[in-house]
Amino acid sequence: MTVRELIESLSRIEDQDIRVMVKGYEGGYNDLIMIDNTPATIALDVNEEWYYGAHERVEDIDRDHLDKYHIVKAIIL
């Protein structure tokens, strides 16, 4: 999802005081927080294990394997 798509989607919600949450690790829900509003450099579709997120920060990947992945800028919420 891009920032533009997120803004468009959220702008269609009539009540702008509705809270935004994410699923908890094993259950329940947590408030969504913005970790950093500085875009991170992310390699897409790195992890195949269900318990990892699909993508990784470029600095966490072996540099010899970076050419295998599509690299994008992303905001992490």
PDB file of N, CA and C in Angstrom:
ATOM      1  N   MET A   1       0.842  -1.170   0.000  1.00  0.00           N
ATOM      2  CA  MET A   1       0.000   0.000   0.000  1.00  0.00           C
ATOM      3  C   MET A   1       0.890   1.237   0.000  1.00  0.00           C
ATOM      4  N   THR A   2       0.536   2.208  -0.781  1.00  0.00           N
ATOM      5  CA  THR A   2       1.294   3.459  -0.798  1.00  0.00           C
ATOM      6  C   THR A   2       0.682   4.459   0.185  1.00  0.00           C
ATOM      7  N   VAL A   3       1.421   5.514   0.499  1.00  0.00           N
ATOM      8  CA  VAL A   3       0.902   6.565   1.373  1.00  0.00           C
ATOM      9  C   VAL A   3      -0.373   7.156   0.771  1.00  0.00           C
ATOM     10  N   ARG A   4      -0.358   7.386  -0.540  1.00  0.00           N
ATOM     11  CA  ARG A   4      -1.545   7.942  -1.213  1.00  0.00           C
ATOM     12  C   ARG A   4      -2.754   7.025  -1.041  1.00  0.00           C
ATOM     13  N   GLU A   5      -2.566   5.725  -1.230  1.00  0.00           N
ATOM     14  CA  GLU A   5      -3.674   4.776  -1.070  1.00  0.00           C
ATOM     15  C   GLU A   5      -4.178   4.755   0.367  1.00  0.00           C
ATOM     16  N   LEU A   6      -3.257   4.822   1.327  1.00  0.00           N
ATOM     17  CA  LEU A   6      -3.645   4.842   2.731  1.00  0.00           C
ATOM     18  C   LEU A   6      -4.455   6.092   3.050  1.00  0.00           C
ATOM     19  N   ILE A   7      -3.981   7.241   2.607  1.00  0.00           N
ATOM     20  CA  ILE A   7      -4.690   8.496   2.862  1.00  0.00           C
ATOM     21  C   ILE A   7      -6.075   8.465   2.232  1.00  0.00           C
ATOM     22  N   GLU A   8      -6.163   8.001   0.991  1.00  0.00           N
ATOM     23  CA  GLU A   8      -7.461   7.926   0.317  1.00  0.00           C
ATOM     24  C   GLU A   8      -8.412   7.000   1.070  1.00  0.00           C
ATOM     25  N   SER A   9      -7.916   5.859   1.494  1.00  0.00           N
ATOM     26  CA  SER A   9      -8.745   4.905   2.218  1.00  0.00           C
ATOM     27  C   SER A   9      -9.219   5.479   3.549  1.00  0.00           C
ATOM     28  N   LEU A  10      -8.303   6.065   4.311  1.00  0.00           N
ATOM     29  CA  LEU A  10      -8.657   6.627   5.612  1.00  0.00           C
ATOM     30  C   LEU A  10      -9.554   7.847   5.485  1.00  0.00           C
ATOM     31  N   SER A  11      -9.406   8.618   4.425  1.00  0.00           N
ATOM     32  CA  SER A  11     -10.225   9.826   4.266  1.00  0.00           C
ATOM     33  C   SER A  11     -11.692   9.490   4.001  1.00  0.00           C
ATOM     34  N   ARG A  12     -11.982   8.258   3.594  1.00  0.00           N
ATOM     35  CA  ARG A  12     -13.372   7.851   3.355  1.00  0.00           C
ATOM     36  C   ARG A  12     -14.103   7.475   4.643  1.00  0.00           C
ATOM     37  N   ILE A  13     -13.370   7.386   5.750  1.00  0.00           N
ATOM     38  CA  ILE A  13     -13.997   7.073   7.038  1.00  0.00           C
ATOM     39  C   ILE A  13     -14.610   8.345   7.589  1.00  0.00           C
ATOM     40  N   GLU A  14     -15.917   8.299   7.819  1.00  0.00           N
ATOM     41  CA  GLU A  14     -16.647   9.511   8.231  1.00  0.00           C
ATOM     42  C   GLU A  14     -16.213  10.011   9.603  1.00  0.00           C
ATOM     43  N   ASP A  15     -16.120   9.113  10.572  1.00  0.00           N
ATOM     44  CA  ASP A  15     -15.739   9.496  11.937  1.00  0.00           C
ATOM     45  C   ASP A  15     -14.216   9.467  12.045  1.00  0.00           C
ATOM     46  N   GLN A  16     -13.579  10.615  11.974  1.00  0.00           N
ATOM     47  CA  GLN A  16     -12.115  10.702  11.989  1.00  0.00           C
ATOM     48  C   GLN A  16     -11.519  10.513  13.385  1.00  0.00           C
ATOM     49  N   ASP A  17     -12.358  10.268  14.410  1.00  0.00           N
ATOM     50  CA  ASP A  17     -11.859   9.989  15.757  1.00  0.00           C
ATOM     51  C   ASP A  17     -11.791   8.495  16.049  1.00  0.00           C
ATOM     52  N   ILE A  18     -12.098   7.662  15.057  1.00  0.00           N
ATOM     53  CA  ILE A  18     -11.985   6.213  15.230  1.00  0.00           C
ATOM     54  C   ILE A  18     -10.517   5.862  15.428  1.00  0.00           C
ATOM     55  N   ARG A  19     -10.244   4.983  16.383  1.00  0.00           N
ATOM     56  CA  ARG A  19      -8.858   4.576  16.659  1.00  0.00           C
ATOM     57  C   ARG A  19      -8.371   3.601  15.604  1.00  0.00           C
ATOM     58  N   VAL A  20      -7.063   3.575  15.397  1.00  0.00           N
ATOM     59  CA  VAL A  20      -6.432   2.652  14.451  1.00  0.00           C
ATOM     60  C   VAL A  20      -5.606   1.663  15.267  1.00  0.00           C
ATOM     61  N   MET A  21      -5.855   0.355  15.049  1.00  0.00           N
ATOM     62  CA  MET A  21      -5.190  -0.677  15.835  1.00  0.00           C
ATOM     63  C   MET A  21      -4.647  -1.771  14.927  1.00  0.00           C
ATOM     64  N   VAL A  22      -3.757  -2.566  15.489  1.00  0.00           N
ATOM     65  CA  VAL A  22      -3.194  -3.729  14.802  1.00  0.00           C
ATOM     66  C   VAL A  22      -3.360  -4.946  15.713  1.00  0.00           C
ATOM     67  N   LYS A  23      -3.315  -6.134  15.109  1.00  0.00           N
ATOM     68  CA  LYS A  23      -3.414  -7.357  15.895  1.00  0.00           C
ATOM     69  C   LYS A  23      -2.211  -7.492  16.808  1.00  0.00           C
ATOM     70  N   GLY A  24      -2.436  -8.023  18.012  1.00  0.00           N
ATOM     71  CA  GLY A  24      -1.352  -8.335  18.925  1.00  0.00           C
ATOM     72  C   GLY A  24      -0.620  -9.585  18.461  1.00  0.00           C
ATOM     73  N   TYR A  25       0.501  -9.858  19.049  1.00  0.00           N
ATOM     74  CA  TYR A  25       1.342 -10.986  18.629  1.00  0.00           C
ATOM     75  C   TYR A  25       0.594 -12.320  18.747  1.00  0.00           C
ATOM     76  N   GLU A  26       0.023 -12.589  19.909  1.00  0.00           N
ATOM     77  CA  GLU A  26      -0.683 -13.866  20.087  1.00  0.00           C
ATOM     78  C   GLU A  26      -2.179 -13.685  20.219  1.00  0.00           C
ATOM     79  N   GLY A  27      -2.645 -12.470  20.350  1.00  0.00           N
ATOM     80  CA  GLY A  27      -4.074 -12.204  20.492  1.00  0.00           C
ATOM     81  C   GLY A  27      -4.275 -10.759  20.889  1.00  0.00           C
ATOM     82  N   GLY A  28      -5.511 -10.345  20.925  1.00  0.00           N
ATOM     83  CA  GLY A  28      -5.822  -8.974  21.292  1.00  0.00           C
ATOM     84  C   GLY A  28      -5.376  -7.989  20.218  1.00  0.00           C
ATOM     85  N   TYR A  29      -5.409  -6.705  20.568  1.00  0.00           N
ATOM     86  CA  TYR A  29      -5.088  -5.631  19.631  1.00  0.00           C
ATOM     87  C   TYR A  29      -4.267  -4.560  20.330  1.00  0.00           C
ATOM     88  N   ASN A  30      -3.434  -3.866  19.566  1.00  0.00           N
ATOM     89  CA  ASN A  30      -2.623  -2.751  20.063  1.00  0.00           C
ATOM     90  C   ASN A  30      -2.905  -1.519  19.237  1.00  0.00           C
ATOM     91  N   ASP A  31      -2.714  -0.358  19.859  1.00  0.00           N
ATOM     92  CA  ASP A  31      -2.803   0.891  19.107  1.00  0.00           C
ATOM     93  C   ASP A  31      -1.700   0.913  18.061  1.00  0.00           C
ATOM     94  N   LEU A  32      -2.005   1.414  16.887  1.00  0.00           N
ATOM     95  CA  LEU A  32      -1.007   1.583  15.841  1.00  0.00           C
ATOM     96  C   LEU A  32      -0.137   2.772  16.219  1.00  0.00           C
ATOM     97  N   ILE A  33       1.166   2.608  16.097  1.00  0.00           N
ATOM     98  CA  ILE A  33       2.071   3.713  16.366  1.00  0.00           C
ATOM     99  C   ILE A  33       2.979   3.911  15.156  1.00  0.00           C
ATOM    100  N   MET A  34       3.379   5.126  14.925  1.00  0.00           N
ATOM    101  CA  MET A  34       4.347   5.394  13.872  1.00  0.00           C
ATOM    102  C   MET A  34       5.719   5.310  14.504  1.00  0.00           C
ATOM    103  N   ILE A  35       6.495   4.337  14.078  1.00  0.00           N
ATOM    104  CA  ILE A  35       7.823   4.136  14.641  1.00  0.00           C
ATOM    105  C   ILE A  35       8.740   5.269  14.227  1.00  0.00           C
ATOM    106  N   ASP A  36       8.670   5.626  12.972  1.00  0.00           N
ATOM    107  CA  ASP A  36       9.557   6.654  12.442  1.00  0.00           C
ATOM    108  C   ASP A  36       8.941   7.163  11.152  1.00  0.00           C
ATOM    109  N   ASN A  37       8.847   8.466  10.976  1.00  0.00           N
ATOM    110  CA  ASN A  37       8.256   8.975   9.741  1.00  0.00           C
ATOM    111  C   ASN A  37       9.303   9.221   8.662  1.00  0.00           C
ATOM    112  N   THR A  38      10.520   8.774   8.899  1.00  0.00           N
ATOM    113  CA  THR A  38      11.568   8.831   7.885  1.00  0.00           C
ATOM    114  C   THR A  38      11.500   7.549   7.071  1.00  0.00           C
ATOM    115  N   PRO A  39      11.390   7.637   5.752  1.00  0.00           N
ATOM    116  CA  PRO A  39      11.288   6.402   4.959  1.00  0.00           C
ATOM    117  C   PRO A  39      12.491   5.484   5.161  1.00  0.00           C
ATOM    118  N   ALA A  40      12.194   4.199   5.289  1.00  0.00           N
ATOM    119  CA  ALA A  40      13.222   3.166   5.397  1.00  0.00           C
ATOM    120  C   ALA A  40      13.422   2.551   4.017  1.00  0.00           C
ATOM    121  N   THR A  41      14.599   1.982   3.791  1.00  0.00           N
ATOM    122  CA  THR A  41      14.867   1.265   2.552  1.00  0.00           C
ATOM    123  C   THR A  41      14.581  -0.203   2.819  1.00  0.00           C
ATOM    124  N   ILE A  42      13.611  -0.753   2.068  1.00  0.00           N
ATOM    125  CA  ILE A  42      13.085  -2.093   2.328  1.00  0.00           C
ATOM    126  C   ILE A  42      13.238  -2.992   1.110  1.00  0.00           C
ATOM    127  N   ALA A  43      13.643  -4.229   1.347  1.00  0.00           N
ATOM    128  CA  ALA A  43      13.671  -5.256   0.303  1.00  0.00           C
ATOM    129  C   ALA A  43      12.370  -6.039   0.407  1.00  0.00           C
ATOM    130  N   LEU A  44      11.653  -6.167  -0.716  1.00  0.00           N
ATOM    131  CA  LEU A  44      10.356  -6.830  -0.718  1.00  0.00           C
ATOM    132  C   LEU A  44      10.489  -8.344  -0.873  1.00  0.00           C
ATOM    133  N   ASP A  45       9.551  -9.043  -0.256  1.00  0.00           N
ATOM    134  CA  ASP A  45       9.387 -10.495  -0.396  1.00  0.00           C
ATOM    135  C   ASP A  45      10.663 -11.278  -0.089  1.00  0.00           C
ATOM    136  N   VAL A  46      11.252 -10.962   1.055  1.00  0.00           N
ATOM    137  CA  VAL A  46      12.492 -11.607   1.490  1.00  0.00           C
ATOM    138  C   VAL A  46      12.196 -12.883   2.282  1.00  0.00           C
ATOM    139  N   ASN A  47      11.247 -12.810   3.206  1.00  0.00           N
ATOM    140  CA  ASN A  47      10.981 -13.916   4.124  1.00  0.00           C
ATOM    141  C   ASN A  47       9.810 -14.771   3.663  1.00  0.00           C
ATOM    142  N   GLU A  48       9.971 -16.082   3.779  1.00  0.00           N
ATOM    143  CA  GLU A  48       8.904 -17.009   3.414  1.00  0.00           C
ATOM    144  C   GLU A  48       8.224 -17.624   4.637  1.00  0.00           C
ATOM    145  N   GLU A  49       8.876 -17.572   5.804  1.00  0.00           N
ATOM    146  CA  GLU A  49       8.315 -18.150   7.016  1.00  0.00           C
ATOM    147  C   GLU A  49       7.094 -17.351   7.454  1.00  0.00           C
ATOM    148  N   TRP A  50       6.045 -18.033   7.876  1.00  0.00           N
ATOM    149  CA  TRP A  50       4.792 -17.371   8.238  1.00  0.00           C
ATOM    150  C   TRP A  50       4.950 -16.435   9.432  1.00  0.00           C
ATOM    151  N   TYR A  51       5.912 -16.714  10.296  1.00  0.00           N
ATOM    152  CA  TYR A  51       6.056 -15.948  11.529  1.00  0.00           C
ATOM    153  C   TYR A  51       6.922 -14.702  11.364  1.00  0.00           C
ATOM    154  N   TYR A  52       7.471 -14.473  10.166  1.00  0.00           N
ATOM    155  CA  TYR A  52       8.191 -13.240   9.866  1.00  0.00           C
ATOM    156  C   TYR A  52       7.346 -12.396   8.930  1.00  0.00           C
ATOM    157  N   GLY A  53       7.510 -11.095   9.014  1.00  0.00           N
ATOM    158  CA  GLY A  53       6.909 -10.242   7.991  1.00  0.00           C
ATOM    159  C   GLY A  53       7.584 -10.535   6.659  1.00  0.00           C
ATOM    160  N   ALA A  54       6.895 -10.279   5.573  1.00  0.00           N
ATOM    161  CA  ALA A  54       7.400 -10.632   4.242  1.00  0.00           C
ATOM    162  C   ALA A  54       8.647  -9.837   3.848  1.00  0.00           C
ATOM    163  N   HIS A  55       8.791  -8.636   4.365  1.00  0.00           N
ATOM    164  CA  HIS A  55       9.841  -7.733   3.905  1.00  0.00           C
ATOM    165  C   HIS A  55      10.885  -7.483   4.999  1.00  0.00           C
ATOM    166  N   GLU A  56      12.067  -6.973   4.589  1.00  0.00           N
ATOM    167  CA  GLU A  56      13.150  -6.679   5.543  1.00  0.00           C
ATOM    168  C   GLU A  56      13.807  -5.346   5.213  1.00  0.00           C
ATOM    169  N   ARG A  57      14.331  -4.688   6.241  1.00  0.00           N
ATOM    170  CA  ARG A  57      15.157  -3.505   5.997  1.00  0.00           C
ATOM    171  C   ARG A  57      16.412  -3.951   5.256  1.00  0.00           C
ATOM    172  N   VAL A  58      16.848  -3.163   4.298  1.00  0.00           N
ATOM    173  CA  VAL A  58      18.020  -3.508   3.497  1.00  0.00           C
ATOM    174  C   VAL A  58      19.246  -3.722   4.375  1.00  0.00           C
ATOM    175  N   GLU A  59      19.400  -2.914   5.417  1.00  0.00           N
ATOM    176  CA  GLU A  59      20.594  -3.046   6.268  1.00  0.00           C
ATOM    177  C   GLU A  59      20.624  -4.366   7.046  1.00  0.00           C
ATOM    178  N   ASP A  60      19.512  -5.111   7.065  1.00  0.00           N
ATOM    179  CA  ASP A  60      19.466  -6.390   7.768  1.00  0.00           C
ATOM    180  C   ASP A  60      19.662  -7.594   6.839  1.00  0.00           C
ATOM    181  N   ILE A  61      20.002  -7.330   5.583  1.00  0.00           N
ATOM    182  CA  ILE A  61      20.171  -8.396   4.590  1.00  0.00           C
ATOM    183  C   ILE A  61      21.635  -8.444   4.154  1.00  0.00           C
ATOM    184  N   ASP A  62      22.116  -9.641   3.911  1.00  0.00           N
ATOM    185  CA  ASP A  62      23.471  -9.829   3.383  1.00  0.00           C
ATOM    186  C   ASP A  62      23.583  -9.080   2.057  1.00  0.00           C
ATOM    187  N   ARG A  63      24.508  -8.149   1.963  1.00  0.00           N
ATOM    188  CA  ARG A  63      24.688  -7.313   0.758  1.00  0.00           C
ATOM    189  C   ARG A  63      24.882  -8.130  -0.525  1.00  0.00           C
ATOM    190  N   ASP A  64      25.432  -9.337  -0.400  1.00  0.00           N
ATOM    191  CA  ASP A  64      25.662 -10.178  -1.581  1.00  0.00           C
ATOM    192  C   ASP A  64      24.364 -10.681  -2.209  1.00  0.00           C
ATOM    193  N   HIS A  65      23.258 -10.592  -1.471  1.00  0.00           N
ATOM    194  CA  HIS A  65      21.982 -11.114  -1.966  1.00  0.00           C
ATOM    195  C   HIS A  65      20.978 -10.018  -2.335  1.00  0.00           C
ATOM    196  N   LEU A  66      21.341  -8.766  -2.190  1.00  0.00           N
ATOM    197  CA  LEU A  66      20.399  -7.667  -2.439  1.00  0.00           C
ATOM    198  C   LEU A  66      19.874  -7.638  -3.868  1.00  0.00           C
ATOM    199  N   ASP A  67      20.661  -8.073  -4.835  1.00  0.00           N
ATOM    200  CA  ASP A  67      20.227  -8.008  -6.230  1.00  0.00           C
ATOM    201  C   ASP A  67      19.059  -8.949  -6.521  1.00  0.00           C
ATOM    202  N   LYS A  68      18.724  -9.842  -5.592  1.00  0.00           N
ATOM    203  CA  LYS A  68      17.593 -10.767  -5.769  1.00  0.00           C
ATOM    204  C   LYS A  68      16.252 -10.106  -5.446  1.00  0.00           C
ATOM    205  N   TYR A  69      16.274  -8.942  -4.797  1.00  0.00           N
ATOM    206  CA  TYR A  69      15.047  -8.348  -4.275  1.00  0.00           C
ATOM    207  C   TYR A  69      14.737  -6.995  -4.904  1.00  0.00           C
ATOM    208  N   HIS A  70      13.437  -6.680  -4.915  1.00  0.00           N
ATOM    209  CA  HIS A  70      12.986  -5.355  -5.337  1.00  0.00           C
ATOM    210  C   HIS A  70      13.111  -4.441  -4.114  1.00  0.00           C
ATOM    211  N   ILE A  71      13.809  -3.330  -4.248  1.00  0.00           N
ATOM    212  CA  ILE A  71      14.066  -2.398  -3.128  1.00  0.00           C
ATOM    213  C   ILE A  71      13.147  -1.186  -3.271  1.00  0.00           C
ATOM    214  N   VAL A  72      12.487  -0.817  -2.164  1.00  0.00           N
ATOM    215  CA  VAL A  72      11.570   0.332  -2.169  1.00  0.00           C
ATOM    216  C   VAL A  72      11.811   1.160  -0.912  1.00  0.00           C
ATOM    217  N   LYS A  73      11.263   2.368  -0.892  1.00  0.00           N
ATOM    218  CA  LYS A  73      11.205   3.202   0.317  1.00  0.00           C
ATOM    219  C   LYS A  73       9.866   2.945   0.981  1.00  0.00           C
ATOM    220  N   ALA A  74       9.838   2.915   2.308  1.00  0.00           N
ATOM    221  CA  ALA A  74       8.594   2.630   3.024  1.00  0.00           C
ATOM    222  C   ALA A  74       8.559   3.368   4.351  1.00  0.00           C
ATOM    223  N   ILE A  75       7.374   3.733   4.783  1.00  0.00           N
ATOM    224  CA  ILE A  75       7.143   4.265   6.123  1.00  0.00           C
ATOM    225  C   ILE A  75       6.686   3.099   6.987  1.00  0.00           C
ATOM    226  N   ILE A  76       7.286   2.930   8.137  1.00  0.00           N
ATOM    227  CA  ILE A  76       6.932   1.825   9.035  1.00  0.00           C
ATOM    228  C   ILE A  76       6.031   2.363  10.132  1.00  0.00           C
ATOM    229  N   LEU A  77       4.858   1.790  10.230  1.00  0.00           N
ATOM    230  CA  LEU A  77       3.887   2.206  11.248  1.00  0.00           C
ATOM    231  C   LEU A  77       3.881   1.214  12.392  1.00  0.00           C
TER     232      LEU A  77
END
